[in-house]
C-alpha atoms as a PDB file:
ATOM      1  CA  PHE A   1      -0.078   0.006  -0.079  1.00  0.00           C
ATOM      2  CA  GLN A   2       1.398   3.365  -0.759  1.00  0.00           C
ATOM      3  CA  PRO A   3      -0.242   6.262   0.822  1.00  0.00           C
ATOM      4  CA  HIS A   4      -1.079   9.374  -1.203  1.00  0.00           C
ATOM      5  CA  ARG A   5      -0.283  12.819  -0.273  1.00  0.00           C
ATOM      6  CA  TYR A   6       1.020  13.837   3.175  1.00  0.00           C
ATOM      7  CA  SER A   7      -2.245  16.241   3.370  1.00  0.00           C
ATOM      8  CA  ARG A   8      -4.022  13.114   3.742  1.00  0.00           C
ATOM      9  CA  ALA A   9      -2.208  11.713   7.107  1.00  0.00           C
ATOM     10  CA  SER A  10      -4.717  13.408   9.443  1.00  0.00           C
ATOM     11  CA  LEU A  11      -7.942  12.471   7.552  1.00  0.00           C
ATOM     12  CA  PHE A  12      -6.684   8.174   7.752  1.00  0.00           C
ATOM     13  CA  CYS A  13      -4.689   8.308  10.657  1.00  0.00           C
ATOM     14  CA  ASN A  14      -6.940  10.596  12.689  1.00  0.00           C
ATOM     15  CA  VAL A  15     -10.428  11.089  11.440  1.00  0.00           C
ATOM     16  CA  LEU A  16     -11.073   7.414   9.859  1.00  0.00           C
ATOM     17  CA  HIS A  17      -8.609   6.008  12.388  1.00  0.00           C
ATOM     18  CA  ASP A  18     -10.607   3.091  13.017  1.00  0.00           C
ATOM     19  CA  GLU A  19     -12.262   2.476   9.462  1.00  0.00           C
ATOM     20  CA  PHE A  20      -8.590   2.965   7.973  1.00  0.00           C
ATOM     21  CA  GLY A  21      -7.126   0.290  10.463  1.00  0.00           C
ATOM     22  CA  ALA A  22      -9.900  -2.074   9.616  1.00  0.00           C
ATOM     23  CA  ALA A  23      -9.501  -1.744   5.831  1.00  0.00           C
ATOM     24  CA  PHE A  24      -6.905  -4.501   5.659  1.00  0.00           C
ATOM     25  CA  ASP A  25      -8.399  -7.215   8.250  1.00  0.00           C
ATOM     26  CA  GLN A  26      -9.085  -9.836   5.152  1.00  0.00           C
ATOM     27  CA  ALA A  27      -5.380  -9.463   4.015  1.00  0.00           C
ATOM     28  CA  ASP A  28      -3.065 -12.119   5.084  1.00  0.00           C
ATOM     29  CA  THR A  29       0.080  -9.436   4.519  1.00  0.00           C
ATOM     30  CA  VAL A  30      -0.077  -5.858   3.946  1.00  0.00           C
ATOM     31  CA  THR A  31       3.521  -4.019   2.998  1.00  0.00           C
ATOM     32  CA  PHE A  32       3.593  -0.120   3.296  1.00  0.00           C
ATOM     33  CA  MET A  33       5.565   2.037   1.294  1.00  0.00           C
ATOM     34  CA  ASP A  34       6.474   5.383   1.974  1.00  0.00           C
ATOM     35  CA  VAL A  35       3.893   8.402   0.954  1.00  0.00           C
ATOM     36  CA  PHE A  36       3.707   9.439  -2.512  1.00  0.00           C
ATOM     37  CA  SER A  37       3.889  13.114  -2.492  1.00  0.00           C
ATOM     38  CA  ALA A  38       2.165  13.859  -5.812  1.00  0.00           C
ATOM     39  CA  GLY A  39       4.064  17.377  -5.545  1.00  0.00           C
ATOM     40  CA  GLU A  40       3.587  18.088  -1.888  1.00  0.00           C
ATOM     41  CA  VAL A  41       6.350  19.181   0.642  1.00  0.00           C
ATOM     42  CA  PRO A  42       6.892  16.351   2.777  1.00  0.00           C
ATOM     43  CA  VAL A  43       5.612  16.712   6.356  1.00  0.00           C
ATOM     44  CA  PRO A  44       8.270  15.926   8.847  1.00  0.00           C
ATOM     45  CA  GLY A  45       7.183  12.778  11.061  1.00  0.00           C
ATOM     46  CA  ILE A  46       4.952  11.693   8.470  1.00  0.00           C
ATOM     47  CA  THR A  47       5.933   8.728   6.205  1.00  0.00           C
ATOM     48  CA  GLY A  48       4.418   5.455   5.418  1.00  0.00           C
ATOM     49  CA  LYS A  49       4.988   4.101   8.792  1.00  0.00           C
ATOM     50  CA  THR A  50       2.605   6.740  10.427  1.00  0.00           C
ATOM     51  CA  PHE A  51      -0.153   4.760   8.025  1.00  0.00           C
ATOM     52  CA  LEU A  52       1.063   1.228   8.851  1.00  0.00           C
ATOM     53  CA  GLN A  53       0.608   2.551  12.776  1.00  0.00           C
ATOM     54  CA  VAL A  54      -3.112   2.804  12.506  1.00  0.00           C
ATOM     55  CA  VAL A  55      -3.115  -0.760  10.697  1.00  0.00           C
ATOM     56  CA  LEU A  56      -1.000  -2.025  13.859  1.00  0.00           C
ATOM     57  CA  ASP A  57      -3.373  -0.241  16.399  1.00  0.00           C
ATOM     58  CA  HIS A  58      -6.214  -1.951  15.096  1.00  0.00           C
ATOM     59  CA  GLU A  59      -7.117  -5.398  16.719  1.00  0.00           C
ATOM     60  CA  GLY A  60      -6.926  -7.832  14.034  1.00  0.00           C
ATOM     61  CA  HIS A  61      -4.389  -6.561  11.641  1.00  0.00           C
ATOM     62  CA  PRO A  62      -2.451  -8.653   9.387  1.00  0.00           C
ATOM     63  CA  GLU A  63       1.067  -9.297   9.080  1.00  0.00           C
ATOM     64  CA  THR A  64       2.789  -5.989   8.399  1.00  0.00           C
ATOM     65  CA  HIS A  65       5.819  -4.814   6.679  1.00  0.00           C
ATOM     66  CA  TYR A  66       7.519  -1.495   6.076  1.00  0.00           C
ATOM     67  CA  VAL A  67       9.276  -1.111   2.823  1.00  0.00           C
ATOM     68  CA  PRO A  68       9.670   2.597   2.230  1.00  0.00           C
ATOM     69  CA  ARG A  69      11.265   2.766  -1.143  1.00  0.00           C
ATOM     70  CA  ARG A  70       9.349   1.196  -3.999  1.00  0.00           C
ATOM     71  CA  ILE A  71      12.595   0.073  -5.561  1.00  0.00           C
ATOM     72  CA  ASP A  72      12.812  -2.446  -2.773  1.00  0.00           C
ATOM     73  CA  VAL A  73       9.397  -3.645  -2.691  1.00  0.00           C
ATOM     74  CA  VAL A  74       9.379  -5.594  -5.658  1.00  0.00           C
ATOM     75  CA  SER A  75      12.255  -7.858  -3.845  1.00  0.00           C
ATOM     76  CA  HIS A  76      10.384  -8.151  -0.484  1.00  0.00           C
ATOM     77  CA  MET A  77       7.179  -9.185  -2.528  1.00  0.00           C
ATOM     78  CA  ALA A  78       9.112 -11.628  -4.591  1.00  0.00           C
ATOM     79  CA  GLN A  79      10.112 -13.254  -1.517  1.00  0.00           C
ATOM     80  CA  LEU A  80       6.632 -13.316   0.211  1.00  0.00           C
ATOM     81  CA  ALA A  81       4.795 -14.262  -2.565  1.00  0.00           C
ATOM     82  CA  GLN A  82       3.537 -18.457  -2.994  1.00  0.00           C
ATOM     83  CA  PRO A  83       2.092 -20.295  -5.760  1.00  0.00           C
ATOM     84  CA  GLY A  84      -1.430 -19.182  -5.572  1.00  0.00           C
ATOM     85  CA  ASP A  85      -1.278 -16.029  -4.041  1.00  0.00           C
ATOM     86  CA  LEU A  86      -3.150 -12.757  -4.889  1.00  0.00           C
ATOM     87  CA  VAL A  87      -1.366  -9.691  -4.958  1.00  0.00           C
ATOM     88  CA  ILE A  88      -3.112  -6.461  -4.823  1.00  0.00           C
ATOM     89  CA  THR A  89      -1.264  -3.250  -5.181  1.00  0.00           C
ATOM     90  CA  MET A  90      -3.080  -0.391  -3.976  1.00  0.00           C
ATOM     91  CA  GLY A  91      -2.174   3.290  -3.585  1.00  0.00           C
ATOM     92  CA  ALA A  92      -1.523   6.370  -6.348  1.00  0.00           C
ATOM     93  CA  GLY A  93       1.588   7.255  -7.953  1.00  0.00           C
ATOM     94  CA  ASP A  94       4.614   4.991  -8.973  1.00  0.00           C
ATOM     95  CA  VAL A  95       3.181   1.836  -7.183  1.00  0.00           C
ATOM     96  CA  THR A  96       1.174   0.880 -10.322  1.00  0.00           C
ATOM     97  CA  ALA A  97       4.752  -0.094 -11.727  1.00  0.00           C
ATOM     98  CA  ILE A  98       5.093  -2.872  -9.070  1.00  0.00           C
ATOM     99  CA  GLY A  99       2.728  -5.376 -10.439  1.00  0.00           C
ATOM    100  CA  GLY A 100       4.245  -5.752 -13.523  1.00  0.00           C
ATOM    101  CA  GLN A 101       7.860  -5.866 -12.280  1.00  0.00           C
ATOM    102  CA  LEU A 102       6.751  -8.513  -9.672  1.00  0.00           C
ATOM    103  CA  VAL A 103       5.623 -10.679 -12.541  1.00  0.00           C
ATOM    104  CA  GLU A 104       8.725 -10.274 -14.188  1.00  0.00           C
ATOM    105  CA  GLU A 105      10.572 -11.214 -10.915  1.00  0.00           C
ATOM    106  CA  LEU A 106       8.629 -14.164  -9.838  1.00  0.00           C
ATOM    107  CA  GLU A 107       9.013 -15.671 -13.559  1.00  0.00           C
ATOM    108  CA  GLU A 108      12.901 -15.163 -13.330  1.00  0.00           C
ATOM    109  CA  LEU A 109      12.885 -16.777  -9.795  1.00  0.00           C
ATOM    110  CA  GLU A 110      10.840 -19.703 -11.411  1.00  0.00           C
ATOM    111  CA  GLY A 111      12.951 -20.268 -14.083  1.00  0.00           C
ATOM    112  CA  ARG A 112      15.971 -20.538 -11.675  1.00  0.00           C
ATOM    113  CA  ASP A 113      14.420 -23.280  -9.821  1.00  0.00           C
ATOM    114  CA  ARG A 114      13.705 -25.364 -12.696  1.00  0.00           C
END
C-alpha cells in the first residue's frame, strides 16, 4: 500500500482511524511504502510508517511490513509471494509499476528453480 499525499495523513490516521485500520483485516500480509507526495512538500514525521501504525493499532491486523522505497518492494514481495497468492498493489503514484515488475521477478525466480 502506498499512501497518497501528506495532507491526507490526518484524515486517515485521525478522523478515519478505525475505518482505515480495519480496511486491511482480510489481508494475510500488508506491505506499506512511503508516501507518494504528488508534488506536496514532505511533512516531518509523516511516513508510510505513520499509516502502518494505524493498522497495527487496530485489533485483528494482518502481518505487516514497512518497505519505504519502491525499488525494494518488488524483491520483498517476490520473497513473500507463494503459488496461488493474490497480490494487490494499491495506492496512487509509482506503485502501479510494481505489478508488472513483480511478475517479471517471479518468472525469473521460477526459471532459476527449474
